[in-house]
Amino acid sequence: MRRVYWLGVLAAVVLLAGGATLAVLGYAKTAGPDGAVRGYFAALASGDAPRALAYGGRPDGPTGYLTSTVLREQLRIAAVRDVQVSVNSQHGTRASVQAKYTLAFAGTDVPVSTAVSVHDEGGRWRLDHVAVRVEIHPGAASQRQSMLGNRVPHGPILLFPGALPIRVDTPYLELDPSTDRLDLDSLSAIDVQLNVTEAARTAFAHAVVEQVRQCVQVAMSPGCPLPDERYVPGSIHGTPAGGVRATNTVLDARSAIGKLLFSGRMTINGSYRRLNFHNVEVAGHGPLYLDIHAMAYAVAPLQLHWTSS
């Protein structure tokens, strides 16, 4: 029995020593200026807001968005990956740490490099700021944007670095990864930029082809596109030759509801009437080249309207 007892004691000592070793190694990873920054970004990457906040101070401003719920929404849009840190400079109780990481947006990775200021506070290194004070300006299609189910807030708020926690209520628009993000040295205001998605371009091209087909095979209304102003409205009858080419779909910067503007070209093989130089109608037959201009609001299904330009 005594032998069993001492074996148990020895095992406990080994476990305790192993635990102490792991604790020391764990502390070493977050000790020093670089360790503090490494620990902070590890907390961000795991969606743990309270742990991230424990690594330093905050600038003045509303703190209601410094929660794990908001942080996880930011990570849903773009995960924080591949964090690398190194000390740039250290002078006494202050240091600058270089942090490099990747924001993994859907379809694209955005590399980020930022200088993080840290200081020694009672023997523990802490970040000067663990959040960013920022004003978000929704810009174009502002009515299609929300934060956690509410309108994008007016005025300055505090957020963690990462993607802006903004949702767009249509698959035809998405955040621009190159601009819609924060790091610890971001500017005090960000204008939200939205990109037109590939789904929008595809849907618009299909809608244009179908509506042109209706124009030239069923009934060309006065609003249907014409090769130029000398063609008689309603006189073109034929068949589209292939799809629409040289397409361009952009978001109207002046529209709060999200207006899409489309341009492209199509070829029609068919008959027509046009005015000659004496303003006399003449009939013709052959290929016609249409410059297409149209608009639609960024909601499915697209409701197409022809425009002059």
C-alpha atoms as a PDB file:
ATOM      1  CA  MET A   1       0.000   0.000   0.000  1.00  0.00           C
ATOM      2  CA  ARG A   2       2.824   2.402   0.860  1.00  0.00           C
ATOM      3  CA  ARG A   3       4.361   1.755  -2.573  1.00  0.00           C
ATOM      4  CA  VAL A   4       1.056   2.563  -4.262  1.00  0.00           C
ATOM      5  CA  TYR A   5       0.798   5.733  -2.174  1.00  0.00           C
ATOM      6  CA  TRP A   6       4.219   7.013  -3.211  1.00  0.00           C
ATOM      7  CA  LEU A   7       3.547   6.146  -6.834  1.00  0.00           C
ATOM      8  CA  GLY A   8       0.404   8.279  -6.607  1.00  0.00           C
ATOM      9  CA  VAL A   9       2.345  11.128  -5.065  1.00  0.00           C
ATOM     10  CA  LEU A  10       4.975  10.900  -7.806  1.00  0.00           C
ATOM     11  CA  ALA A  11       2.311  10.947 -10.510  1.00  0.00           C
ATOM     12  CA  ALA A  12       0.689  14.021  -8.940  1.00  0.00           C
ATOM     13  CA  VAL A  13       4.064  15.806  -8.842  1.00  0.00           C
ATOM     14  CA  VAL A  14       4.661  14.980 -12.514  1.00  0.00           C
ATOM     15  CA  LEU A  15       1.193  16.259 -13.472  1.00  0.00           C
ATOM     16  CA  LEU A  16       1.684  19.411 -11.412  1.00  0.00           C
ATOM     17  CA  ALA A  17       5.061  20.051 -13.010  1.00  0.00           C
ATOM     18  CA  GLY A  18       3.605  19.443 -16.454  1.00  0.00           C
ATOM     19  CA  GLY A  19       0.758  21.834 -15.724  1.00  0.00           C
ATOM     20  CA  ALA A  20       3.188  24.460 -14.502  1.00  0.00           C
ATOM     21  CA  THR A  21       5.265  24.008 -17.659  1.00  0.00           C
ATOM     22  CA  LEU A  22       2.185  24.455 -19.846  1.00  0.00           C
ATOM     23  CA  ALA A  23       1.181  27.535 -17.842  1.00  0.00           C
ATOM     24  CA  VAL A  24       4.655  29.031 -18.287  1.00  0.00           C
ATOM     25  CA  LEU A  25       4.585  28.294 -22.028  1.00  0.00           C
ATOM     26  CA  GLY A  26       1.099  29.763 -22.287  1.00  0.00           C
ATOM     27  CA  TYR A  27       2.198  32.876 -20.436  1.00  0.00           C
ATOM     28  CA  ALA A  28       5.262  33.194 -22.638  1.00  0.00           C
ATOM     29  CA  LYS A  29       3.053  33.346 -25.696  1.00  0.00           C
ATOM     30  CA  THR A  30       1.213  36.394 -24.335  1.00  0.00           C
ATOM     31  CA  ALA A  31       4.065  37.983 -22.345  1.00  0.00           C
ATOM     32  CA  GLY A  32       5.974  41.007 -23.596  1.00  0.00           C
ATOM     33  CA  PRO A  33       4.786  43.605 -26.121  1.00  0.00           C
ATOM     34  CA  ASP A  34       4.373  41.090 -28.956  1.00  0.00           C
ATOM     35  CA  GLY A  35       2.729  38.522 -26.689  1.00  0.00           C
ATOM     36  CA  ALA A  36       0.035  40.984 -25.639  1.00  0.00           C
ATOM     37  CA  VAL A  37      -0.813  41.733 -29.256  1.00  0.00           C
ATOM     38  CA  ARG A  38      -0.747  38.033 -30.133  1.00  0.00           C
ATOM     39  CA  GLY A  39      -3.161  37.245 -27.304  1.00  0.00           C
ATOM     40  CA  TYR A  40      -5.459  40.098 -28.332  1.00  0.00           C
ATOM     41  CA  PHE A  41      -5.765  38.898 -31.913  1.00  0.00           C
ATOM     42  CA  ALA A  42      -6.287  35.331 -30.743  1.00  0.00           C
ATOM     43  CA  ALA A  43      -9.255  36.587 -28.701  1.00  0.00           C
ATOM     44  CA  LEU A  44     -10.605  38.459 -31.729  1.00  0.00           C
ATOM     45  CA  ALA A  45     -10.215  35.425 -33.989  1.00  0.00           C
ATOM     46  CA  SER A  46     -12.171  33.266 -31.523  1.00  0.00           C
ATOM     47  CA  GLY A  47     -15.015  35.790 -31.165  1.00  0.00           C
ATOM     48  CA  ASP A  48     -14.332  36.364 -27.449  1.00  0.00           C
ATOM     49  CA  ALA A  49     -15.083  40.051 -26.844  1.00  0.00           C
ATOM     50  CA  PRO A  50     -14.555  40.113 -23.030  1.00  0.00           C
ATOM     51  CA  ARG A  51     -11.118  38.524 -23.412  1.00  0.00           C
ATOM     52  CA  ALA A  52     -10.175  40.960 -26.193  1.00  0.00           C
ATOM     53  CA  LEU A  53     -11.273  43.923 -24.055  1.00  0.00           C
ATOM     54  CA  ALA A  54      -9.079  42.692 -21.194  1.00  0.00           C
ATOM     55  CA  TYR A  55      -5.935  43.335 -23.250  1.00  0.00           C
ATOM     56  CA  GLY A  56      -6.066  47.122 -23.048  1.00  0.00           C
ATOM     57  CA  GLY A  57      -7.957  50.376 -22.885  1.00  0.00           C
ATOM     58  CA  ARG A  58     -10.702  51.851 -25.040  1.00  0.00           C
ATOM     59  CA  PRO A  59     -11.109  55.223 -26.713  1.00  0.00           C
ATOM     60  CA  ASP A  60     -14.045  57.363 -25.664  1.00  0.00           C
ATOM     61  CA  GLY A  61     -17.345  56.428 -27.264  1.00  0.00           C
ATOM     62  CA  PRO A  62     -20.419  54.175 -27.036  1.00  0.00           C
ATOM     63  CA  THR A  63     -19.416  50.614 -26.107  1.00  0.00           C
ATOM     64  CA  GLY A  64     -22.671  48.836 -27.024  1.00  0.00           C
ATOM     65  CA  TYR A  65     -21.121  47.217 -30.111  1.00  0.00           C
ATOM     66  CA  LEU A  66     -18.103  45.767 -28.281  1.00  0.00           C
ATOM     67  CA  THR A  67     -19.840  42.431 -27.712  1.00  0.00           C
ATOM     68  CA  SER A  68     -19.193  38.866 -28.776  1.00  0.00           C
ATOM     69  CA  THR A  69     -22.393  38.981 -30.851  1.00  0.00           C
ATOM     70  CA  VAL A  70     -21.105  41.876 -32.946  1.00  0.00           C
ATOM     71  CA  LEU A  71     -17.585  40.426 -33.107  1.00  0.00           C
ATOM     72  CA  ARG A  72     -18.923  37.099 -34.386  1.00  0.00           C
ATOM     73  CA  GLU A  73     -20.925  38.950 -37.021  1.00  0.00           C
ATOM     74  CA  GLN A  74     -17.685  40.593 -38.146  1.00  0.00           C
ATOM     75  CA  LEU A  75     -16.017  37.165 -38.249  1.00  0.00           C
ATOM     76  CA  ARG A  76     -18.943  35.729 -40.227  1.00  0.00           C
ATOM     77  CA  ILE A  77     -18.259  38.328 -42.899  1.00  0.00           C
ATOM     78  CA  ALA A  78     -14.463  37.947 -42.743  1.00  0.00           C
ATOM     79  CA  ALA A  79     -12.591  35.609 -40.428  1.00  0.00           C
ATOM     80  CA  VAL A  80      -9.295  36.756 -38.877  1.00  0.00           C
ATOM     81  CA  ARG A  81      -6.515  34.361 -39.928  1.00  0.00           C
ATOM     82  CA  ASP A  82      -2.739  33.967 -40.197  1.00  0.00           C
ATOM     83  CA  VAL A  83      -1.824  36.463 -37.464  1.00  0.00           C
ATOM     84  CA  GLN A  84       1.878  37.369 -37.267  1.00  0.00           C
ATOM     85  CA  VAL A  85       3.336  39.880 -34.797  1.00  0.00           C
ATOM     86  CA  SER A  86       6.795  41.330 -34.210  1.00  0.00           C
ATOM     87  CA  VAL A  87       8.175  44.190 -32.119  1.00  0.00           C
ATOM     88  CA  ASN A  88       9.008  47.263 -34.209  1.00  0.00           C
ATOM     89  CA  SER A  89      10.569  49.293 -31.423  1.00  0.00           C
ATOM     90  CA  GLN A  90      10.635  49.486 -27.638  1.00  0.00           C
ATOM     91  CA  HIS A  91      11.565  52.431 -25.444  1.00  0.00           C
ATOM     92  CA  GLY A  92      11.196  51.789 -21.740  1.00  0.00           C
ATOM     93  CA  THR A  93       7.547  51.158 -20.917  1.00  0.00           C
ATOM     94  CA  ARG A  94       6.298  51.830 -24.447  1.00  0.00           C
ATOM     95  CA  ALA A  95       6.568  49.776 -27.617  1.00  0.00           C
ATOM     96  CA  SER A  96       5.236  49.520 -31.151  1.00  0.00           C
ATOM     97  CA  VAL A  97       4.257  46.082 -32.458  1.00  0.00           C
ATOM     98  CA  GLN A  98       3.698  45.235 -36.130  1.00  0.00           C
ATOM     99  CA  ALA A  99       0.674  43.001 -36.656  1.00  0.00           C
ATOM    100  CA  LYS A 100      -0.030  41.271 -39.958  1.00  0.00           C
ATOM    101  CA  TYR A 101      -3.113  39.157 -40.557  1.00  0.00           C
ATOM    102  CA  THR A 102      -5.650  38.178 -43.186  1.00  0.00           C
ATOM    103  CA  LEU A 103      -9.347  39.056 -43.351  1.00  0.00           C
ATOM    104  CA  ALA A 104     -10.961  36.157 -45.206  1.00  0.00           C
ATOM    105  CA  PHE A 105     -13.939  37.691 -47.002  1.00  0.00           C
ATOM    106  CA  ALA A 106     -16.088  35.453 -49.194  1.00  0.00           C
ATOM    107  CA  GLY A 107     -14.161  34.920 -52.402  1.00  0.00           C
ATOM    108  CA  THR A 108     -11.128  37.029 -51.478  1.00  0.00           C
ATOM    109  CA  ASP A 109      -8.487  37.353 -48.772  1.00  0.00           C
ATOM    110  CA  VAL A 110      -7.458  40.861 -47.727  1.00  0.00           C
ATOM    111  CA  PRO A 111      -4.009  41.215 -46.115  1.00  0.00           C
ATOM    112  CA  VAL A 112      -3.805  43.779 -43.316  1.00  0.00           C
ATOM    113  CA  SER A 113      -0.741  45.313 -41.717  1.00  0.00           C
ATOM    114  CA  THR A 114      -1.037  47.683 -38.780  1.00  0.00           C
ATOM    115  CA  ALA A 115       1.193  49.173 -36.075  1.00  0.00           C
ATOM    116  CA  VAL A 116      -0.152  48.506 -32.564  1.00  0.00           C
ATOM    117  CA  SER A 117       0.903  50.768 -29.681  1.00  0.00           C
ATOM    118  CA  VAL A 118       1.380  49.016 -26.324  1.00  0.00           C
ATOM    119  CA  HIS A 119       2.594  50.017 -22.883  1.00  0.00           C
ATOM    120  CA  ASP A 120       3.801  48.359 -19.697  1.00  0.00           C
ATOM    121  CA  GLU A 121       1.225  48.742 -16.929  1.00  0.00           C
ATOM    122  CA  GLY A 122       2.451  47.370 -13.619  1.00  0.00           C
ATOM    123  CA  GLY A 123       4.572  44.683 -15.206  1.00  0.00           C
ATOM    124  CA  ARG A 124       1.937  43.672 -17.776  1.00  0.00           C
ATOM    125  CA  TRP A 125       1.949  44.792 -21.371  1.00  0.00           C
ATOM    126  CA  ARG A 126      -1.358  46.191 -22.608  1.00  0.00           C
ATOM    127  CA  LEU A 127      -2.639  47.705 -25.839  1.00  0.00           C
ATOM    128  CA  ASP A 128      -3.282  51.451 -25.810  1.00  0.00           C
ATOM    129  CA  HIS A 129      -6.604  50.801 -27.551  1.00  0.00           C
ATOM    130  CA  VAL A 130      -8.432  47.528 -28.175  1.00  0.00           C
ATOM    131  CA  ALA A 131     -11.217  49.129 -30.230  1.00  0.00           C
ATOM    132  CA  VAL A 132     -11.671  51.692 -32.983  1.00  0.00           C
ATOM    133  CA  ARG A 133     -13.777  54.846 -32.717  1.00  0.00           C
ATOM    134  CA  VAL A 134     -15.482  55.270 -36.071  1.00  0.00           C
ATOM    135  CA  GLU A 135     -18.426  56.907 -37.832  1.00  0.00           C
ATOM    136  CA  ILE A 136     -20.010  54.751 -40.543  1.00  0.00           C
ATOM    137  CA  HIS A 137     -21.577  56.507 -43.529  1.00  0.00           C
ATOM    138  CA  PRO A 138     -23.787  54.071 -45.502  1.00  0.00           C
ATOM    139  CA  GLY A 139     -23.642  55.980 -48.818  1.00  0.00           C
ATOM    140  CA  ALA A 140     -25.328  54.425 -51.884  1.00  0.00           C
ATOM    141  CA  ALA A 141     -28.116  51.885 -51.227  1.00  0.00           C
ATOM    142  CA  SER A 142     -28.245  52.959 -47.578  1.00  0.00           C
ATOM    143  CA  GLN A 143     -31.769  51.554 -47.195  1.00  0.00           C
ATOM    144  CA  ARG A 144     -30.461  48.097 -48.070  1.00  0.00           C
ATOM    145  CA  GLN A 145     -27.909  48.090 -45.214  1.00  0.00           C
ATOM    146  CA  SER A 146     -28.337  47.151 -41.558  1.00  0.00           C
ATOM    147  CA  MET A 147     -26.350  46.327 -38.423  1.00  0.00           C
ATOM    148  CA  LEU A 148     -27.748  43.478 -36.334  1.00  0.00           C
ATOM    149  CA  GLY A 149     -31.215  44.015 -37.749  1.00  0.00           C
ATOM    150  CA  ASN A 150     -31.245  47.788 -37.205  1.00  0.00           C
ATOM    151  CA  ARG A 151     -30.296  50.787 -39.288  1.00  0.00           C
ATOM    152  CA  VAL A 152     -26.619  51.671 -39.430  1.00  0.00           C
ATOM    153  CA  PRO A 153     -26.104  53.985 -36.417  1.00  0.00           C
ATOM    154  CA  HIS A 154     -25.450  57.682 -36.798  1.00  0.00           C
ATOM    155  CA  GLY A 155     -22.546  59.217 -34.964  1.00  0.00           C
ATOM    156  CA  PRO A 156     -19.361  57.651 -33.605  1.00  0.00           C
ATOM    157  CA  ILE A 157     -19.327  54.129 -32.146  1.00  0.00           C
ATOM    158  CA  LEU A 158     -16.618  51.738 -30.954  1.00  0.00           C
ATOM    159  CA  LEU A 159     -15.926  48.537 -32.913  1.00  0.00           C
ATOM    160  CA  PHE A 160     -13.292  45.832 -32.911  1.00  0.00           C
ATOM    161  CA  PRO A 161     -10.958  45.644 -35.914  1.00  0.00           C
ATOM    162  CA  GLY A 162     -12.213  43.507 -38.793  1.00  0.00           C
ATOM    163  CA  ALA A 163     -15.006  43.646 -41.326  1.00  0.00           C
ATOM    164  CA  LEU A 164     -17.784  46.165 -40.847  1.00  0.00           C
ATOM    165  CA  PRO A 165     -20.700  44.227 -39.284  1.00  0.00           C
ATOM    166  CA  ILE A 166     -23.094  45.318 -42.027  1.00  0.00           C
ATOM    167  CA  ARG A 167     -25.606  43.116 -43.814  1.00  0.00           C
ATOM    168  CA  VAL A 168     -27.064  43.886 -47.231  1.00  0.00           C
ATOM    169  CA  ASP A 169     -30.616  42.645 -47.821  1.00  0.00           C
ATOM    170  CA  THR A 170     -30.112  41.621 -51.463  1.00  0.00           C
ATOM    171  CA  PRO A 171     -27.838  39.089 -53.188  1.00  0.00           C
ATOM    172  CA  TYR A 172     -27.212  41.703 -55.889  1.00  0.00           C
ATOM    173  CA  LEU A 173     -24.978  43.898 -53.681  1.00  0.00           C
ATOM    174  CA  GLU A 174     -22.103  43.108 -51.317  1.00  0.00           C
ATOM    175  CA  LEU A 175     -19.545  44.888 -49.145  1.00  0.00           C
ATOM    176  CA  ASP A 176     -16.308  45.969 -50.792  1.00  0.00           C
ATOM    177  CA  PRO A 177     -13.525  44.076 -48.947  1.00  0.00           C
ATOM    178  CA  SER A 178     -10.928  46.698 -49.878  1.00  0.00           C
ATOM    179  CA  THR A 179     -12.708  49.498 -47.980  1.00  0.00           C
ATOM    180  CA  ASP A 180     -15.388  48.081 -45.652  1.00  0.00           C
ATOM    181  CA  ARG A 181     -13.066  47.075 -42.826  1.00  0.00           C
ATOM    182  CA  LEU A 182     -11.336  48.483 -39.762  1.00  0.00           C
ATOM    183  CA  ASP A 183      -7.906  48.144 -38.247  1.00  0.00           C
ATOM    184  CA  LEU A 184      -6.507  49.724 -35.105  1.00  0.00           C
ATOM    185  CA  ASP A 185      -5.210  52.774 -36.967  1.00  0.00           C
ATOM    186  CA  SER A 186      -8.246  53.314 -39.216  1.00  0.00           C
ATOM    187  CA  LEU A 187      -9.581  56.771 -39.969  1.00  0.00           C
ATOM    188  CA  SER A 188     -12.388  58.169 -37.831  1.00  0.00           C
ATOM    189  CA  ALA A 189     -14.978  57.836 -40.621  1.00  0.00           C
ATOM    190  CA  ILE A 190     -15.674  55.140 -43.226  1.00  0.00           C
ATOM    191  CA  ASP A 191     -17.896  55.490 -46.282  1.00  0.00           C
ATOM    192  CA  VAL A 192     -19.479  52.106 -46.983  1.00  0.00           C
ATOM    193  CA  GLN A 193     -18.823  50.934 -50.525  1.00  0.00           C
ATOM    194  CA  LEU A 194     -21.034  48.288 -52.114  1.00  0.00           C
ATOM    195  CA  ASN A 195     -20.099  46.186 -55.127  1.00  0.00           C
ATOM    196  CA  VAL A 196     -22.499  44.776 -57.702  1.00  0.00           C
ATOM    197  CA  THR A 197     -22.359  40.970 -57.461  1.00  0.00           C
ATOM    198  CA  GLU A 198     -21.906  38.481 -60.261  1.00  0.00           C
ATOM    199  CA  ALA A 199     -25.455  37.298 -59.522  1.00  0.00           C
ATOM    200  CA  ALA A 200     -26.730  40.804 -60.362  1.00  0.00           C
ATOM    201  CA  ARG A 201     -24.776  40.961 -63.614  1.00  0.00           C
ATOM    202  CA  THR A 202     -26.058  37.554 -64.686  1.00  0.00           C
ATOM    203  CA  ALA A 203     -29.673  38.336 -63.753  1.00  0.00           C
ATOM    204  CA  PHE A 204     -29.549  41.704 -65.541  1.00  0.00           C
ATOM    205  CA  ALA A 205     -28.084  40.202 -68.740  1.00  0.00           C
ATOM    206  CA  HIS A 206     -30.756  37.491 -68.789  1.00  0.00           C
ATOM    207  CA  ALA A 207     -33.526  40.034 -68.184  1.00  0.00           C
ATOM    208  CA  VAL A 208     -32.252  42.262 -70.996  1.00  0.00           C
ATOM    209  CA  VAL A 209     -32.099  39.391 -73.494  1.00  0.00           C
ATOM    210  CA  GLU A 210     -35.614  38.267 -72.599  1.00  0.00           C
ATOM    211  CA  GLN A 211     -37.089  41.757 -72.794  1.00  0.00           C
ATOM    212  CA  VAL A 212     -35.396  42.512 -76.127  1.00  0.00           C
ATOM    213  CA  ARG A 213     -36.746  39.207 -77.399  1.00  0.00           C
ATOM    214  CA  GLN A 214     -40.232  40.317 -76.369  1.00  0.00           C
ATOM    215  CA  CYS A 215     -39.672  43.637 -78.162  1.00  0.00           C
ATOM    216  CA  VAL A 216     -38.657  42.174 -81.521  1.00  0.00           C
ATOM    217  CA  GLN A 217     -40.722  38.991 -81.548  1.00  0.00           C
ATOM    218  CA  VAL A 218     -43.955  39.986 -79.821  1.00  0.00           C
ATOM    219  CA  ALA A 219     -44.522  43.726 -79.809  1.00  0.00           C
ATOM    220  CA  MET A 220     -41.959  46.496 -79.889  1.00  0.00           C
ATOM    221  CA  SER A 221     -43.363  49.206 -77.692  1.00  0.00           C
ATOM    222  CA  PRO A 222     -42.263  52.842 -78.100  1.00  0.00           C
ATOM    223  CA  GLY A 223     -39.885  52.402 -75.155  1.00  0.00           C
ATOM    224  CA  CYS A 224     -37.917  49.510 -76.674  1.00  0.00           C
ATOM    225  CA  PRO A 225     -34.296  50.242 -77.657  1.00  0.00           C
ATOM    226  CA  LEU A 226     -33.531  51.294 -81.243  1.00  0.00           C
ATOM    227  CA  PRO A 227     -30.245  51.411 -83.193  1.00  0.00           C
ATOM    228  CA  ASP A 228     -30.649  55.204 -83.471  1.00  0.00           C
ATOM    229  CA  GLU A 229     -33.360  57.862 -83.651  1.00  0.00           C
ATOM    230  CA  ARG A 230     -33.984  57.368 -87.390  1.00  0.00           C
ATOM    231  CA  TYR A 231     -35.498  53.902 -86.918  1.00  0.00           C
ATOM    232  CA  VAL A 232     -39.281  53.826 -86.680  1.00  0.00           C
ATOM    233  CA  PRO A 233     -40.423  52.714 -83.204  1.00  0.00           C
ATOM    234  CA  GLY A 234     -42.294  49.414 -83.302  1.00  0.00           C
ATOM    235  CA  SER A 235     -40.992  48.506 -86.779  1.00  0.00           C
ATOM    236  CA  ILE A 236     -38.197  46.098 -85.827  1.00  0.00           C
ATOM    237  CA  HIS A 237     -39.060  42.390 -86.032  1.00  0.00           C
ATOM    238  CA  GLY A 238     -36.536  39.601 -85.854  1.00  0.00           C
ATOM    239  CA  THR A 239     -34.399  37.367 -83.683  1.00  0.00           C
ATOM    240  CA  PRO A 240     -31.577  38.214 -81.255  1.00  0.00           C
ATOM    241  CA  ALA A 241     -28.245  36.931 -82.521  1.00  0.00           C
ATOM    242  CA  GLY A 242     -26.679  35.591 -79.339  1.00  0.00           C
ATOM    243  CA  GLY A 243     -26.737  37.288 -75.971  1.00  0.00           C
ATOM    244  CA  VAL A 244     -25.874  40.752 -74.772  1.00  0.00           C
ATOM    245  CA  ARG A 245     -22.230  41.857 -75.078  1.00  0.00           C
ATOM    246  CA  ALA A 246     -19.961  44.533 -73.625  1.00  0.00           C
ATOM    247  CA  THR A 247     -22.100  44.631 -70.499  1.00  0.00           C
ATOM    248  CA  ASN A 248     -21.581  46.936 -67.555  1.00  0.00           C
ATOM    249  CA  THR A 249     -23.714  46.995 -64.408  1.00  0.00           C
ATOM    250  CA  VAL A 250     -23.102  49.674 -61.777  1.00  0.00           C
ATOM    251  CA  LEU A 251     -24.775  50.943 -58.629  1.00  0.00           C
ATOM    252  CA  ASP A 252     -26.253  54.441 -58.888  1.00  0.00           C
ATOM    253  CA  ALA A 253     -24.354  56.426 -56.254  1.00  0.00           C
ATOM    254  CA  ARG A 254     -27.312  58.802 -55.804  1.00  0.00           C
ATOM    255  CA  SER A 255     -29.882  56.104 -55.003  1.00  0.00           C
ATOM    256  CA  ALA A 256     -30.621  55.241 -51.373  1.00  0.00           C
ATOM    257  CA  ILE A 257     -32.808  52.279 -52.343  1.00  0.00           C
ATOM    258  CA  GLY A 258     -30.208  50.653 -54.595  1.00  0.00           C
ATOM    259  CA  LYS A 259     -30.711  51.429 -58.283  1.00  0.00           C
ATOM    260  CA  LEU A 260     -28.693  49.387 -60.784  1.00  0.00           C
ATOM    261  CA  LEU A 261     -27.730  50.901 -64.138  1.00  0.00           C
ATOM    262  CA  PHE A 262     -26.994  48.610 -67.084  1.00  0.00           C
ATOM    263  CA  SER A 263     -25.418  49.101 -70.497  1.00  0.00           C
ATOM    264  CA  GLY A 264     -24.589  46.621 -73.242  1.00  0.00           C
ATOM    265  CA  ARG A 265     -24.945  45.759 -76.917  1.00  0.00           C
ATOM    266  CA  MET A 266     -27.062  43.273 -78.853  1.00  0.00           C
ATOM    267  CA  THR A 267     -27.403  42.233 -82.481  1.00  0.00           C
ATOM    268  CA  ILE A 268     -30.826  41.616 -84.048  1.00  0.00           C
ATOM    269  CA  ASN A 269     -31.343  39.861 -87.380  1.00  0.00           C
ATOM    270  CA  GLY A 270     -34.636  40.992 -88.880  1.00  0.00           C
ATOM    271  CA  SER A 271     -36.664  43.570 -90.744  1.00  0.00           C
ATOM    272  CA  TYR A 272     -37.178  47.241 -89.967  1.00  0.00           C
ATOM    273  CA  ARG A 273     -38.262  50.612 -91.247  1.00  0.00           C
ATOM    274  CA  ARG A 274     -36.186  53.764 -90.949  1.00  0.00           C
ATOM    275  CA  LEU A 275     -36.170  57.319 -92.213  1.00  0.00           C
ATOM    276  CA  ASN A 276     -33.804  58.157 -95.053  1.00  0.00           C
ATOM    277  CA  PHE A 277     -32.110  61.523 -95.467  1.00  0.00           C
ATOM    278  CA  HIS A 278     -35.332  62.876 -96.970  1.00  0.00           C
ATOM    279  CA  ASN A 279     -37.298  61.739 -93.880  1.00  0.00           C
ATOM    280  CA  VAL A 280     -39.096  59.131 -95.940  1.00  0.00           C
ATOM    281  CA  GLU A 281     -39.702  55.681 -94.437  1.00  0.00           C
ATOM    282  CA  VAL A 282     -37.837  52.881 -96.185  1.00  0.00           C
ATOM    283  CA  ALA A 283     -37.921  49.167 -95.385  1.00  0.00           C
ATOM    284  CA  GLY A 284     -34.837  47.127 -94.761  1.00  0.00           C
ATOM    285  CA  HIS A 285     -33.599  43.732 -93.663  1.00  0.00           C
ATOM    286  CA  GLY A 286     -30.399  42.502 -92.039  1.00  0.00           C
ATOM    287  CA  PRO A 287     -28.404  42.796 -88.834  1.00  0.00           C
ATOM    288  CA  LEU A 288     -29.182  45.640 -86.438  1.00  0.00           C
ATOM    289  CA  TYR A 289     -26.941  46.733 -83.587  1.00  0.00           C
ATOM    290  CA  LEU A 290     -28.651  47.913 -80.411  1.00  0.00           C
ATOM    291  CA  ASP A 291     -26.989  49.935 -77.666  1.00  0.00           C
ATOM    292  CA  ILE A 292     -28.870  48.879 -74.546  1.00  0.00           C
ATOM    293  CA  HIS A 293     -29.407  51.117 -71.500  1.00  0.00           C
ATOM    294  CA  ALA A 294     -31.645  50.013 -68.654  1.00  0.00           C
ATOM    295  CA  MET A 295     -32.214  50.330 -64.914  1.00  0.00           C
ATOM    296  CA  ALA A 296     -33.685  48.170 -62.186  1.00  0.00           C
ATOM    297  CA  TYR A 297     -33.770  48.209 -58.392  1.00  0.00           C
ATOM    298  CA  ALA A 298     -31.488  45.660 -56.738  1.00  0.00           C
ATOM    299  CA  VAL A 299     -34.219  43.228 -55.682  1.00  0.00           C
ATOM    300  CA  ALA A 300     -35.266  39.921 -57.195  1.00  0.00           C
ATOM    301  CA  PRO A 301     -36.861  39.485 -59.603  1.00  0.00           C
ATOM    302  CA  LEU A 302     -35.421  42.457 -61.503  1.00  0.00           C
ATOM    303  CA  GLN A 303     -38.032  44.812 -62.941  1.00  0.00           C
ATOM    304  CA  LEU A 304     -36.340  46.237 -66.028  1.00  0.00           C
ATOM    305  CA  HIS A 305     -36.917  49.738 -67.383  1.00  0.00           C
ATOM    306  CA  TRP A 306     -35.304  51.059 -70.563  1.00  0.00           C
ATOM    307  CA  THR A 307     -33.414  54.336 -70.240  1.00  0.00           C
ATOM    308  CA  SER A 308     -31.867  56.692 -72.770  1.00  0.00           C
ATOM    309  CA  SER A 309     -28.364  56.419 -71.303  1.00  0.00           C
END
